[in-house]
Amino acid sequence: MNELVQILPIVLILIVFYLLVLRPARKRQRDFMDIQQGLEPGSRVMLSSGIHGELVTVGDETVQLRIAPDVVIEVARQAVAKVVTPQAPLDEPAEED
């Protein structure tokens, strides 16, 4: 019984470590892998640096990203942070008299 009481704090620390560190890290890794698997030309994406653009080509290691008309850059595939859904344009504010 005494051995169980001595081991209990270590077991509790391991459980807390798993719940607060390992589980969220695995979820982030899984989400990142889902994003990487879903990349296809024509998708709007945001890079980890904050640059937005449209995927032109998707390779194994790199992607080409159109960031402006006639401007295409090549970046590492892992730099793609998320796929962005296009937003509806904001309505023009009504002019006041």
N, C-alpha and C. Protein backbone atom coordinates (compact mmCIF):
# COMPACT_ATOMS: atom_id res chain seq x y z
N MET A 1 0.82 -1.19 0.00
CA MET A 1 0.00 0.00 0.00
C MET A 1 0.87 1.25 0.00
N ASN A 2 1.96 1.22 0.74
CA ASN A 2 2.86 2.35 0.85
C ASN A 2 3.51 2.66 -0.51
N GLU A 3 3.82 1.59 -1.28
CA GLU A 3 4.42 1.78 -2.61
C GLU A 3 3.44 2.48 -3.55
N LEU A 4 2.17 2.14 -3.43
CA LEU A 4 1.14 2.74 -4.27
C LEU A 4 1.02 4.24 -4.00
N VAL A 5 1.10 4.62 -2.75
CA VAL A 5 1.01 6.03 -2.38
C VAL A 5 2.23 6.80 -2.91
N GLN A 6 3.38 6.16 -2.97
CA GLN A 6 4.58 6.82 -3.48
C GLN A 6 4.54 6.98 -5.00
N ILE A 7 3.91 6.04 -5.70
CA ILE A 7 3.86 6.05 -7.16
C ILE A 7 2.72 6.94 -7.67
N LEU A 8 1.69 7.12 -6.88
CA LEU A 8 0.51 7.87 -7.30
C LEU A 8 0.82 9.29 -7.80
N PRO A 9 1.67 10.09 -7.15
CA PRO A 9 1.96 11.44 -7.67
C PRO A 9 2.63 11.40 -9.06
N ILE A 10 3.50 10.44 -9.28
CA ILE A 10 4.16 10.32 -10.58
C ILE A 10 3.15 9.95 -11.66
N VAL A 11 2.25 9.05 -11.36
CA VAL A 11 1.21 8.66 -12.31
C VAL A 11 0.30 9.85 -12.62
N LEU A 12 -0.06 10.60 -11.62
CA LEU A 12 -0.91 11.78 -11.83
C LEU A 12 -0.20 12.83 -12.69
N ILE A 13 1.08 13.03 -12.46
CA ILE A 13 1.85 13.98 -13.26
C ILE A 13 1.89 13.53 -14.72
N LEU A 14 2.09 12.24 -14.96
CA LEU A 14 2.11 11.72 -16.33
C LEU A 14 0.75 11.88 -17.01
N ILE A 15 -0.32 11.66 -16.29
CA ILE A 15 -1.66 11.82 -16.86
C ILE A 15 -1.91 13.28 -17.22
N VAL A 16 -1.56 14.19 -16.33
CA VAL A 16 -1.74 15.62 -16.60
C VAL A 16 -0.88 16.05 -17.79
N PHE A 17 0.36 15.57 -17.85
CA PHE A 17 1.25 15.89 -18.98
C PHE A 17 0.64 15.41 -20.29
N TYR A 18 0.10 14.21 -20.30
CA TYR A 18 -0.54 13.68 -21.51
C TYR A 18 -1.72 14.55 -21.92
N LEU A 19 -2.58 14.89 -20.97
CA LEU A 19 -3.78 15.66 -21.29
C LEU A 19 -3.49 17.10 -21.71
N LEU A 20 -2.47 17.72 -21.12
CA LEU A 20 -2.20 19.12 -21.41
C LEU A 20 -1.18 19.35 -22.52
N VAL A 21 -0.32 18.37 -22.80
CA VAL A 21 0.74 18.59 -23.78
C VAL A 21 0.63 17.64 -24.98
N LEU A 22 0.67 16.37 -24.74
CA LEU A 22 0.74 15.41 -25.84
C LEU A 22 -0.52 15.35 -26.68
N ARG A 23 -1.67 15.32 -26.06
CA ARG A 23 -2.92 15.21 -26.80
C ARG A 23 -3.16 16.41 -27.71
N PRO A 24 -3.02 17.65 -27.23
CA PRO A 24 -3.20 18.80 -28.13
C PRO A 24 -2.15 18.83 -29.25
N ALA A 25 -0.92 18.43 -28.96
CA ALA A 25 0.12 18.42 -29.99
C ALA A 25 -0.22 17.41 -31.09
N ARG A 26 -0.73 16.27 -30.72
CA ARG A 26 -1.14 15.28 -31.73
C ARG A 26 -2.29 15.80 -32.57
N LYS A 27 -3.22 16.51 -31.95
CA LYS A 27 -4.35 17.06 -32.70
C LYS A 27 -3.86 18.10 -33.71
N ARG A 28 -2.94 18.98 -33.29
CA ARG A 28 -2.37 19.97 -34.21
C ARG A 28 -1.66 19.30 -35.36
N GLN A 29 -0.90 18.24 -35.07
CA GLN A 29 -0.18 17.50 -36.11
C GLN A 29 -1.16 16.85 -37.08
N ARG A 30 -2.24 16.29 -36.57
CA ARG A 30 -3.26 15.66 -37.42
C ARG A 30 -3.94 16.70 -38.31
N ASP A 31 -4.26 17.87 -37.74
CA ASP A 31 -4.87 18.95 -38.51
C ASP A 31 -3.93 19.42 -39.62
N PHE A 32 -2.64 19.57 -39.31
CA PHE A 32 -1.65 19.98 -40.30
C PHE A 32 -1.55 18.96 -41.43
N MET A 33 -1.56 17.69 -41.10
CA MET A 33 -1.49 16.65 -42.12
C MET A 33 -2.74 16.66 -42.99
N ASP A 34 -3.90 16.92 -42.41
CA ASP A 34 -5.14 17.01 -43.19
C ASP A 34 -5.06 18.16 -44.19
N ILE A 35 -4.52 19.30 -43.76
CA ILE A 35 -4.37 20.46 -44.64
C ILE A 35 -3.43 20.10 -45.79
N GLN A 36 -2.30 19.48 -45.45
CA GLN A 36 -1.31 19.13 -46.47
C GLN A 36 -1.88 18.14 -47.49
N GLN A 37 -2.68 17.19 -47.04
CA GLN A 37 -3.26 16.20 -47.95
C GLN A 37 -4.32 16.82 -48.85
N GLY A 38 -4.98 17.88 -48.41
CA GLY A 38 -6.07 18.48 -49.16
C GLY A 38 -5.66 19.59 -50.11
N LEU A 39 -4.35 19.85 -50.24
CA LEU A 39 -3.91 20.92 -51.13
C LEU A 39 -4.12 20.54 -52.58
N GLU A 40 -4.73 21.45 -53.34
CA GLU A 40 -4.92 21.22 -54.77
C GLU A 40 -4.92 22.56 -55.49
N PRO A 41 -4.51 22.58 -56.75
CA PRO A 41 -4.47 23.83 -57.50
C PRO A 41 -5.84 24.52 -57.50
N GLY A 42 -5.80 25.84 -57.37
CA GLY A 42 -7.03 26.63 -57.34
C GLY A 42 -7.49 26.97 -55.94
N SER A 43 -6.95 26.31 -54.93
CA SER A 43 -7.33 26.58 -53.54
C SER A 43 -6.71 27.90 -53.07
N ARG A 44 -7.45 28.66 -52.30
CA ARG A 44 -6.92 29.87 -51.66
C ARG A 44 -6.29 29.43 -50.34
N VAL A 45 -5.06 29.84 -50.10
CA VAL A 45 -4.35 29.42 -48.90
C VAL A 45 -3.67 30.61 -48.24
N MET A 46 -3.27 30.39 -46.99
CA MET A 46 -2.47 31.37 -46.26
C MET A 46 -1.20 30.67 -45.80
N LEU A 47 -0.07 31.28 -46.04
CA LEU A 47 1.20 30.73 -45.59
C LEU A 47 1.41 31.06 -44.12
N SER A 48 2.35 30.38 -43.50
CA SER A 48 2.63 30.63 -42.09
C SER A 48 3.16 32.05 -41.87
N SER A 49 3.67 32.69 -42.92
CA SER A 49 4.14 34.07 -42.81
C SER A 49 3.02 35.09 -42.97
N GLY A 50 1.80 34.61 -43.32
CA GLY A 50 0.66 35.50 -43.45
C GLY A 50 0.35 35.88 -44.89
N ILE A 51 1.13 35.41 -45.85
CA ILE A 51 0.88 35.73 -47.26
C ILE A 51 -0.30 34.89 -47.75
N HIS A 52 -1.24 35.54 -48.43
CA HIS A 52 -2.41 34.87 -49.00
C HIS A 52 -2.21 34.74 -50.50
N GLY A 53 -2.75 33.66 -51.07
CA GLY A 53 -2.67 33.50 -52.51
C GLY A 53 -3.44 32.28 -52.97
N GLU A 54 -3.33 32.00 -54.26
CA GLU A 54 -4.02 30.87 -54.88
C GLU A 54 -2.98 29.88 -55.37
N LEU A 55 -3.18 28.61 -55.06
CA LEU A 55 -2.24 27.58 -55.48
C LEU A 55 -2.32 27.39 -56.99
N VAL A 56 -1.16 27.42 -57.64
CA VAL A 56 -1.08 27.19 -59.08
C VAL A 56 -0.72 25.73 -59.34
N THR A 57 0.36 25.27 -58.71
CA THR A 57 0.76 23.86 -58.80
C THR A 57 1.12 23.36 -57.41
N VAL A 58 0.94 22.07 -57.23
CA VAL A 58 1.27 21.44 -55.95
C VAL A 58 2.20 20.27 -56.23
N GLY A 59 3.42 20.35 -55.70
CA GLY A 59 4.38 19.26 -55.85
C GLY A 59 4.57 18.53 -54.54
N ASP A 60 5.51 17.59 -54.53
CA ASP A 60 5.77 16.82 -53.31
C ASP A 60 6.44 17.67 -52.24
N GLU A 61 7.36 18.54 -52.65
CA GLU A 61 8.11 19.35 -51.69
C GLU A 61 7.76 20.83 -51.73
N THR A 62 7.30 21.33 -52.89
CA THR A 62 7.03 22.75 -53.04
C THR A 62 5.66 22.98 -53.67
N VAL A 63 5.18 24.21 -53.54
CA VAL A 63 3.95 24.64 -54.21
C VAL A 63 4.25 25.99 -54.86
N GLN A 64 3.52 26.27 -55.94
CA GLN A 64 3.61 27.58 -56.56
C GLN A 64 2.34 28.32 -56.19
N LEU A 65 2.52 29.57 -55.78
CA LEU A 65 1.43 30.36 -55.23
C LEU A 65 1.32 31.67 -56.00
N ARG A 66 0.14 31.96 -56.53
CA ARG A 66 -0.11 33.24 -57.20
C ARG A 66 -0.55 34.23 -56.13
N ILE A 67 0.27 35.27 -55.94
CA ILE A 67 -0.05 36.25 -54.91
C ILE A 67 -0.58 37.54 -55.50
N ALA A 68 -0.43 37.71 -56.81
CA ALA A 68 -0.95 38.87 -57.54
C ALA A 68 -0.99 38.46 -59.01
N PRO A 69 -1.72 39.19 -59.84
CA PRO A 69 -1.72 38.85 -61.26
C PRO A 69 -0.29 38.85 -61.81
N ASP A 70 0.07 37.80 -62.49
CA ASP A 70 1.40 37.62 -63.10
C ASP A 70 2.53 37.54 -62.08
N VAL A 71 2.23 37.26 -60.80
CA VAL A 71 3.27 37.08 -59.78
C VAL A 71 3.05 35.73 -59.11
N VAL A 72 3.96 34.79 -59.42
CA VAL A 72 3.88 33.44 -58.85
C VAL A 72 5.17 33.17 -58.09
N ILE A 73 5.04 32.73 -56.85
CA ILE A 73 6.21 32.40 -56.04
C ILE A 73 6.19 30.92 -55.73
N GLU A 74 7.37 30.37 -55.51
CA GLU A 74 7.49 28.97 -55.14
C GLU A 74 7.94 28.89 -53.69
N VAL A 75 7.18 28.14 -52.89
CA VAL A 75 7.49 28.03 -51.47
C VAL A 75 7.45 26.56 -51.05
N ALA A 76 8.02 26.28 -49.91
CA ALA A 76 7.96 24.92 -49.36
C ALA A 76 6.52 24.58 -49.03
N ARG A 77 6.15 23.36 -49.32
CA ARG A 77 4.77 22.91 -49.09
C ARG A 77 4.39 23.05 -47.62
N GLN A 78 5.33 22.84 -46.72
CA GLN A 78 5.05 22.92 -45.28
C GLN A 78 4.75 24.33 -44.82
N ALA A 79 5.02 25.34 -45.67
CA ALA A 79 4.73 26.73 -45.30
C ALA A 79 3.24 27.04 -45.36
N VAL A 80 2.45 26.18 -46.02
CA VAL A 80 1.01 26.42 -46.11
C VAL A 80 0.40 26.15 -44.74
N ALA A 81 -0.14 27.20 -44.13
CA ALA A 81 -0.68 27.07 -42.78
C ALA A 81 -2.15 26.66 -42.77
N LYS A 82 -2.93 27.22 -43.72
CA LYS A 82 -4.34 26.85 -43.75
C LYS A 82 -4.94 27.17 -45.11
N VAL A 83 -6.03 26.48 -45.41
CA VAL A 83 -6.81 26.75 -46.61
C VAL A 83 -7.86 27.78 -46.22
N VAL A 84 -7.94 28.85 -47.00
CA VAL A 84 -8.83 29.96 -46.69
C VAL A 84 -10.06 29.88 -47.59
N THR A 85 -11.23 30.00 -46.99
CA THR A 85 -12.44 30.04 -47.79
C THR A 85 -12.66 31.48 -48.24
N PRO A 86 -13.02 31.65 -49.50
CA PRO A 86 -13.22 33.03 -49.97
C PRO A 86 -14.36 33.70 -49.22
N GLN A 87 -14.16 34.95 -48.87
CA GLN A 87 -15.17 35.70 -48.14
C GLN A 87 -16.01 36.50 -49.12
N ALA A 88 -17.26 36.66 -48.78
CA ALA A 88 -18.13 37.50 -49.59
C ALA A 88 -17.67 38.94 -49.44
N PRO A 89 -17.74 39.72 -50.52
CA PRO A 89 -17.31 41.12 -50.40
C PRO A 89 -18.20 41.88 -49.42
N LEU A 90 -17.59 42.78 -48.71
CA LEU A 90 -18.33 43.59 -47.75
C LEU A 90 -19.24 44.54 -48.50
N ASP A 91 -20.41 44.74 -47.97
CA ASP A 91 -21.34 45.69 -48.58
C ASP A 91 -20.77 47.10 -48.46
N GLU A 92 -21.03 47.87 -49.50
CA GLU A 92 -20.62 49.28 -49.47
C GLU A 92 -21.40 49.99 -48.38
N PRO A 93 -20.76 50.81 -47.58
CA PRO A 93 -21.53 51.57 -46.57
C PRO A 93 -22.46 52.55 -47.26
N ALA A 94 -23.62 52.70 -46.71
CA ALA A 94 -24.61 53.61 -47.29
C ALA A 94 -24.14 55.04 -47.08
N GLU A 95 -24.27 55.82 -48.14
CA GLU A 95 -23.87 57.21 -48.03
C GLU A 95 -24.94 57.99 -47.25
N GLU A 96 -24.47 58.85 -46.38
CA GLU A 96 -25.41 59.64 -45.58
C GLU A 96 -25.57 60.99 -46.23
N ASP A 97 -26.75 61.55 -46.13
CA ASP A 97 -27.02 62.88 -46.71
C ASP A 97 -26.53 63.97 -45.81
